[in-house]
Amino acid sequence: MVGGVEKMGAMQLDFKNYRREVLAYMQGGDAQMVISNYLDKKADYSDMYFEYEANENDQLARVFWADGMARKQYSAFGDVVSFDATYKTNRYSLVFVHSPA
């Protein structure tokens, strides 16, 4: 987009440092950030659905959300297509399992 990597104005080390800073900021609070974000959306939008469960170690175990558009489409088509772009790529090696209606 800008004519090549050399014209980015940042070096690979800059991106590594930024990633390190973001991960340090989120450490121990990444799940809470997700929960807070969706609880805020649920409070703002009456058609937003959000539920989550924590396991016995108080770790986020399950998350489900559907915005208003997804709920309307489900009511019209009666089916869901879903995918997880992070399948076995995160540090927890979580496996994605969906439940068809």
N, C-alpha and C. Protein backbone atom coordinates (compact mmCIF):
# COMPACT_ATOMS: atom_id res chain seq x y z
N MET A 1 0.82 -1.21 0.00
CA MET A 1 0.00 0.00 0.00
C MET A 1 0.86 1.26 0.00
N VAL A 2 2.01 1.21 0.64
CA VAL A 2 2.85 2.40 0.71
C VAL A 2 4.08 2.31 -0.17
N GLY A 3 4.16 1.26 -1.00
CA GLY A 3 5.28 1.14 -1.91
C GLY A 3 6.36 0.19 -1.44
N GLY A 4 6.08 -0.58 -0.43
CA GLY A 4 7.07 -1.56 0.04
C GLY A 4 7.32 -1.44 1.53
N VAL A 5 7.86 -2.52 2.06
CA VAL A 5 8.14 -2.58 3.50
C VAL A 5 9.13 -1.50 3.91
N GLU A 6 10.09 -1.22 3.04
CA GLU A 6 11.12 -0.23 3.36
C GLU A 6 10.57 1.18 3.54
N LYS A 7 9.34 1.43 3.07
CA LYS A 7 8.74 2.76 3.19
C LYS A 7 7.72 2.85 4.32
N MET A 8 7.69 1.86 5.19
CA MET A 8 6.72 1.82 6.29
C MET A 8 7.00 2.86 7.38
N GLY A 9 8.24 3.21 7.57
CA GLY A 9 8.56 4.15 8.63
C GLY A 9 8.76 3.48 9.97
N ALA A 10 8.74 2.18 9.98
CA ALA A 10 8.97 1.42 11.22
C ALA A 10 9.78 0.18 10.85
N MET A 11 10.57 -0.26 11.80
CA MET A 11 11.40 -1.44 11.58
C MET A 11 10.72 -2.65 12.23
N GLN A 12 11.17 -3.83 11.86
CA GLN A 12 10.61 -5.05 12.44
C GLN A 12 10.73 -5.02 13.96
N LEU A 13 11.83 -4.49 14.47
CA LEU A 13 12.02 -4.40 15.92
C LEU A 13 10.96 -3.51 16.56
N ASP A 14 10.52 -2.46 15.88
CA ASP A 14 9.45 -1.60 16.40
C ASP A 14 8.16 -2.38 16.60
N PHE A 15 7.83 -3.24 15.64
CA PHE A 15 6.61 -4.04 15.74
C PHE A 15 6.73 -5.08 16.85
N LYS A 16 7.90 -5.68 17.00
CA LYS A 16 8.13 -6.64 18.09
C LYS A 16 7.98 -5.97 19.45
N ASN A 17 8.54 -4.77 19.57
CA ASN A 17 8.44 -4.03 20.83
C ASN A 17 6.99 -3.65 21.14
N TYR A 18 6.26 -3.22 20.11
CA TYR A 18 4.85 -2.86 20.30
C TYR A 18 4.05 -4.08 20.75
N ARG A 19 4.28 -5.22 20.10
CA ARG A 19 3.58 -6.45 20.47
C ARG A 19 3.88 -6.81 21.92
N ARG A 20 5.14 -6.70 22.32
CA ARG A 20 5.53 -6.99 23.71
C ARG A 20 4.79 -6.08 24.68
N GLU A 21 4.68 -4.80 24.36
CA GLU A 21 3.99 -3.85 25.22
C GLU A 21 2.50 -4.15 25.33
N VAL A 22 1.88 -4.50 24.20
CA VAL A 22 0.45 -4.83 24.22
C VAL A 22 0.20 -6.08 25.05
N LEU A 23 1.03 -7.11 24.86
CA LEU A 23 0.87 -8.34 25.64
C LEU A 23 1.10 -8.09 27.12
N ALA A 24 2.05 -7.25 27.47
CA ALA A 24 2.30 -6.92 28.88
C ALA A 24 1.10 -6.18 29.47
N TYR A 25 0.48 -5.30 28.68
CA TYR A 25 -0.69 -4.56 29.14
C TYR A 25 -1.87 -5.51 29.41
N MET A 26 -2.03 -6.50 28.53
CA MET A 26 -3.17 -7.42 28.64
C MET A 26 -2.92 -8.57 29.60
N GLN A 27 -1.70 -8.80 30.00
CA GLN A 27 -1.37 -9.99 30.80
C GLN A 27 -2.30 -10.15 31.99
N GLY A 28 -2.90 -11.32 32.05
CA GLY A 28 -3.78 -11.63 33.17
C GLY A 28 -5.16 -10.99 33.07
N GLY A 29 -5.38 -10.13 32.08
CA GLY A 29 -6.66 -9.46 31.97
C GLY A 29 -7.32 -9.62 30.63
N ASP A 30 -6.77 -10.48 29.78
CA ASP A 30 -7.32 -10.61 28.44
C ASP A 30 -8.74 -11.14 28.44
N ALA A 31 -9.03 -12.12 29.27
CA ALA A 31 -10.39 -12.65 29.34
C ALA A 31 -11.36 -11.61 29.89
N GLN A 32 -10.93 -10.87 30.89
CA GLN A 32 -11.79 -9.84 31.47
C GLN A 32 -12.08 -8.74 30.45
N MET A 33 -11.11 -8.45 29.59
CA MET A 33 -11.34 -7.45 28.54
C MET A 33 -12.44 -7.92 27.58
N VAL A 34 -12.43 -9.19 27.23
CA VAL A 34 -13.46 -9.75 26.34
C VAL A 34 -14.82 -9.67 27.02
N ILE A 35 -14.89 -10.13 28.26
CA ILE A 35 -16.15 -10.12 29.01
C ILE A 35 -16.68 -8.70 29.15
N SER A 36 -15.84 -7.78 29.54
CA SER A 36 -16.28 -6.38 29.72
C SER A 36 -16.79 -5.80 28.41
N ASN A 37 -16.10 -6.07 27.32
CA ASN A 37 -16.50 -5.56 26.02
C ASN A 37 -17.90 -6.03 25.65
N TYR A 38 -18.15 -7.33 25.78
CA TYR A 38 -19.46 -7.85 25.40
C TYR A 38 -20.56 -7.50 26.39
N LEU A 39 -20.24 -7.37 27.66
CA LEU A 39 -21.25 -6.91 28.62
C LEU A 39 -21.65 -5.48 28.32
N ASP A 40 -20.69 -4.65 27.91
CA ASP A 40 -21.01 -3.27 27.51
C ASP A 40 -21.93 -3.26 26.30
N LYS A 41 -21.62 -4.11 25.31
CA LYS A 41 -22.48 -4.17 24.11
C LYS A 41 -23.87 -4.68 24.47
N LYS A 42 -23.94 -5.65 25.37
CA LYS A 42 -25.23 -6.18 25.79
C LYS A 42 -26.06 -5.11 26.48
N ALA A 43 -25.40 -4.26 27.25
CA ALA A 43 -26.11 -3.17 27.94
C ALA A 43 -26.59 -2.11 26.95
N ASP A 44 -25.82 -1.89 25.88
CA ASP A 44 -26.16 -0.86 24.90
C ASP A 44 -27.18 -1.31 23.86
N TYR A 45 -27.20 -2.61 23.55
CA TYR A 45 -28.07 -3.11 22.48
C TYR A 45 -28.98 -4.21 23.03
N SER A 46 -30.27 -3.98 22.98
CA SER A 46 -31.22 -4.94 23.56
C SER A 46 -31.26 -6.26 22.80
N ASP A 47 -30.85 -6.26 21.53
CA ASP A 47 -30.88 -7.50 20.76
C ASP A 47 -29.56 -8.26 20.80
N MET A 48 -28.62 -7.80 21.61
CA MET A 48 -27.33 -8.49 21.76
C MET A 48 -27.47 -9.59 22.80
N TYR A 49 -26.95 -10.79 22.48
CA TYR A 49 -26.97 -11.89 23.44
C TYR A 49 -25.53 -12.26 23.74
N PHE A 50 -25.22 -12.41 25.03
CA PHE A 50 -23.87 -12.78 25.44
C PHE A 50 -23.91 -13.58 26.73
N GLU A 51 -23.25 -14.70 26.74
CA GLU A 51 -23.10 -15.53 27.94
C GLU A 51 -21.69 -16.10 27.96
N TYR A 52 -21.20 -16.36 29.16
CA TYR A 52 -19.88 -16.98 29.30
C TYR A 52 -19.85 -17.84 30.55
N GLU A 53 -18.89 -18.75 30.60
CA GLU A 53 -18.68 -19.60 31.77
C GLU A 53 -17.20 -19.64 32.09
N ALA A 54 -16.90 -19.71 33.36
CA ALA A 54 -15.52 -19.91 33.82
C ALA A 54 -15.41 -21.32 34.38
N ASN A 55 -14.21 -21.88 34.33
CA ASN A 55 -14.01 -23.23 34.87
C ASN A 55 -13.68 -23.15 36.36
N GLU A 56 -13.32 -24.30 36.95
CA GLU A 56 -13.05 -24.37 38.38
C GLU A 56 -11.83 -23.55 38.80
N ASN A 57 -10.97 -23.20 37.83
CA ASN A 57 -9.80 -22.37 38.12
C ASN A 57 -10.06 -20.90 37.83
N ASP A 58 -11.34 -20.56 37.64
CA ASP A 58 -11.76 -19.19 37.33
C ASP A 58 -11.15 -18.69 36.02
N GLN A 59 -10.97 -19.61 35.07
CA GLN A 59 -10.49 -19.27 33.73
C GLN A 59 -11.68 -19.31 32.77
N LEU A 60 -11.65 -18.43 31.80
CA LEU A 60 -12.71 -18.39 30.81
C LEU A 60 -12.74 -19.70 30.04
N ALA A 61 -13.86 -20.38 30.08
CA ALA A 61 -13.97 -21.70 29.45
C ALA A 61 -14.86 -21.68 28.22
N ARG A 62 -15.97 -20.94 28.27
CA ARG A 62 -16.92 -20.90 27.16
C ARG A 62 -17.45 -19.48 26.97
N VAL A 63 -17.61 -19.11 25.70
CA VAL A 63 -18.15 -17.80 25.36
C VAL A 63 -19.12 -17.98 24.20
N PHE A 64 -20.27 -17.33 24.29
CA PHE A 64 -21.21 -17.31 23.17
C PHE A 64 -21.78 -15.91 23.06
N TRP A 65 -21.82 -15.40 21.85
CA TRP A 65 -22.46 -14.12 21.61
C TRP A 65 -23.12 -14.14 20.24
N ALA A 66 -24.15 -13.33 20.12
CA ALA A 66 -24.84 -13.15 18.84
C ALA A 66 -25.38 -11.72 18.83
N ASP A 67 -25.00 -10.98 17.83
CA ASP A 67 -25.52 -9.61 17.72
C ASP A 67 -26.90 -9.65 17.05
N GLY A 68 -27.50 -8.51 16.95
CA GLY A 68 -28.85 -8.43 16.41
C GLY A 68 -28.96 -8.98 14.99
N MET A 69 -27.98 -8.67 14.15
CA MET A 69 -28.01 -9.15 12.77
C MET A 69 -27.91 -10.66 12.72
N ALA A 70 -27.05 -11.24 13.51
CA ALA A 70 -26.90 -12.71 13.53
C ALA A 70 -28.20 -13.37 14.00
N ARG A 71 -28.85 -12.77 14.99
CA ARG A 71 -30.10 -13.33 15.50
C ARG A 71 -31.21 -13.25 14.45
N LYS A 72 -31.27 -12.15 13.70
CA LYS A 72 -32.27 -12.01 12.63
C LYS A 72 -32.01 -13.02 11.53
N GLN A 73 -30.75 -13.19 11.17
CA GLN A 73 -30.42 -14.16 10.12
C GLN A 73 -30.74 -15.58 10.56
N TYR A 74 -30.49 -15.88 11.82
CA TYR A 74 -30.81 -17.22 12.32
C TYR A 74 -32.32 -17.46 12.27
N SER A 75 -33.09 -16.44 12.65
CA SER A 75 -34.54 -16.63 12.63
C SER A 75 -35.06 -16.79 11.20
N ALA A 76 -34.37 -16.18 10.23
CA ALA A 76 -34.79 -16.29 8.83
C ALA A 76 -34.34 -17.60 8.19
N PHE A 77 -33.13 -18.05 8.51
CA PHE A 77 -32.56 -19.21 7.83
C PHE A 77 -32.52 -20.46 8.71
N GLY A 78 -32.59 -20.31 10.02
CA GLY A 78 -32.62 -21.46 10.93
C GLY A 78 -31.34 -22.26 11.00
N ASP A 79 -30.22 -21.65 10.66
CA ASP A 79 -28.96 -22.38 10.70
C ASP A 79 -27.83 -21.40 10.99
N VAL A 80 -26.69 -21.94 11.36
CA VAL A 80 -25.53 -21.12 11.70
C VAL A 80 -24.30 -21.70 11.02
N VAL A 81 -23.49 -20.83 10.46
CA VAL A 81 -22.18 -21.22 9.96
C VAL A 81 -21.16 -20.47 10.81
N SER A 82 -20.24 -21.20 11.40
CA SER A 82 -19.26 -20.55 12.25
C SER A 82 -17.89 -21.17 12.03
N PHE A 83 -16.86 -20.41 12.33
CA PHE A 83 -15.50 -20.91 12.23
C PHE A 83 -14.64 -20.17 13.24
N ASP A 84 -13.52 -20.77 13.57
CA ASP A 84 -12.57 -20.17 14.50
C ASP A 84 -11.24 -20.00 13.78
N ALA A 85 -10.87 -18.76 13.50
CA ALA A 85 -9.64 -18.48 12.78
C ALA A 85 -8.40 -18.73 13.62
N THR A 86 -8.56 -18.94 14.92
CA THR A 86 -7.40 -19.17 15.79
C THR A 86 -7.27 -20.63 16.18
N TYR A 87 -7.94 -21.53 15.49
CA TYR A 87 -7.94 -22.95 15.83
C TYR A 87 -6.52 -23.47 16.06
N LYS A 88 -6.26 -23.88 17.28
CA LYS A 88 -4.97 -24.43 17.72
C LYS A 88 -3.79 -23.51 17.44
N THR A 89 -4.02 -22.20 17.39
CA THR A 89 -2.91 -21.27 17.19
C THR A 89 -2.63 -20.46 18.45
N ASN A 90 -3.51 -20.51 19.42
CA ASN A 90 -3.27 -19.71 20.61
C ASN A 90 -2.51 -20.51 21.66
N ARG A 91 -2.06 -19.82 22.68
CA ARG A 91 -1.21 -20.47 23.68
C ARG A 91 -1.96 -21.50 24.50
N TYR A 92 -3.29 -21.48 24.48
CA TYR A 92 -4.05 -22.44 25.26
C TYR A 92 -4.41 -23.68 24.46
N SER A 93 -4.12 -23.68 23.15
CA SER A 93 -4.45 -24.78 22.25
C SER A 93 -5.91 -25.20 22.39
N LEU A 94 -6.78 -24.22 22.48
CA LEU A 94 -8.21 -24.51 22.60
C LEU A 94 -8.75 -25.06 21.30
N VAL A 95 -9.61 -26.02 21.41
CA VAL A 95 -10.23 -26.62 20.24
C VAL A 95 -11.62 -26.02 20.09
N PHE A 96 -11.97 -25.62 18.88
CA PHE A 96 -13.27 -25.04 18.60
C PHE A 96 -14.28 -26.16 18.35
N VAL A 97 -15.40 -26.09 19.03
CA VAL A 97 -16.49 -27.04 18.82
C VAL A 97 -17.77 -26.25 18.71
N HIS A 98 -18.52 -26.48 17.65
CA HIS A 98 -19.79 -25.77 17.53
C HIS A 98 -20.94 -26.75 17.66
N SER A 99 -22.07 -26.24 18.07
CA SER A 99 -23.27 -27.05 18.22
C SER A 99 -24.31 -26.58 17.23
N PRO A 100 -24.55 -27.32 16.18
CA PRO A 100 -25.59 -26.91 15.24
C PRO A 100 -26.97 -26.97 15.92
N ALA A 101 -27.82 -26.10 15.51
CA ALA A 101 -29.17 -26.04 16.10
C ALA A 101 -29.99 -27.23 15.73
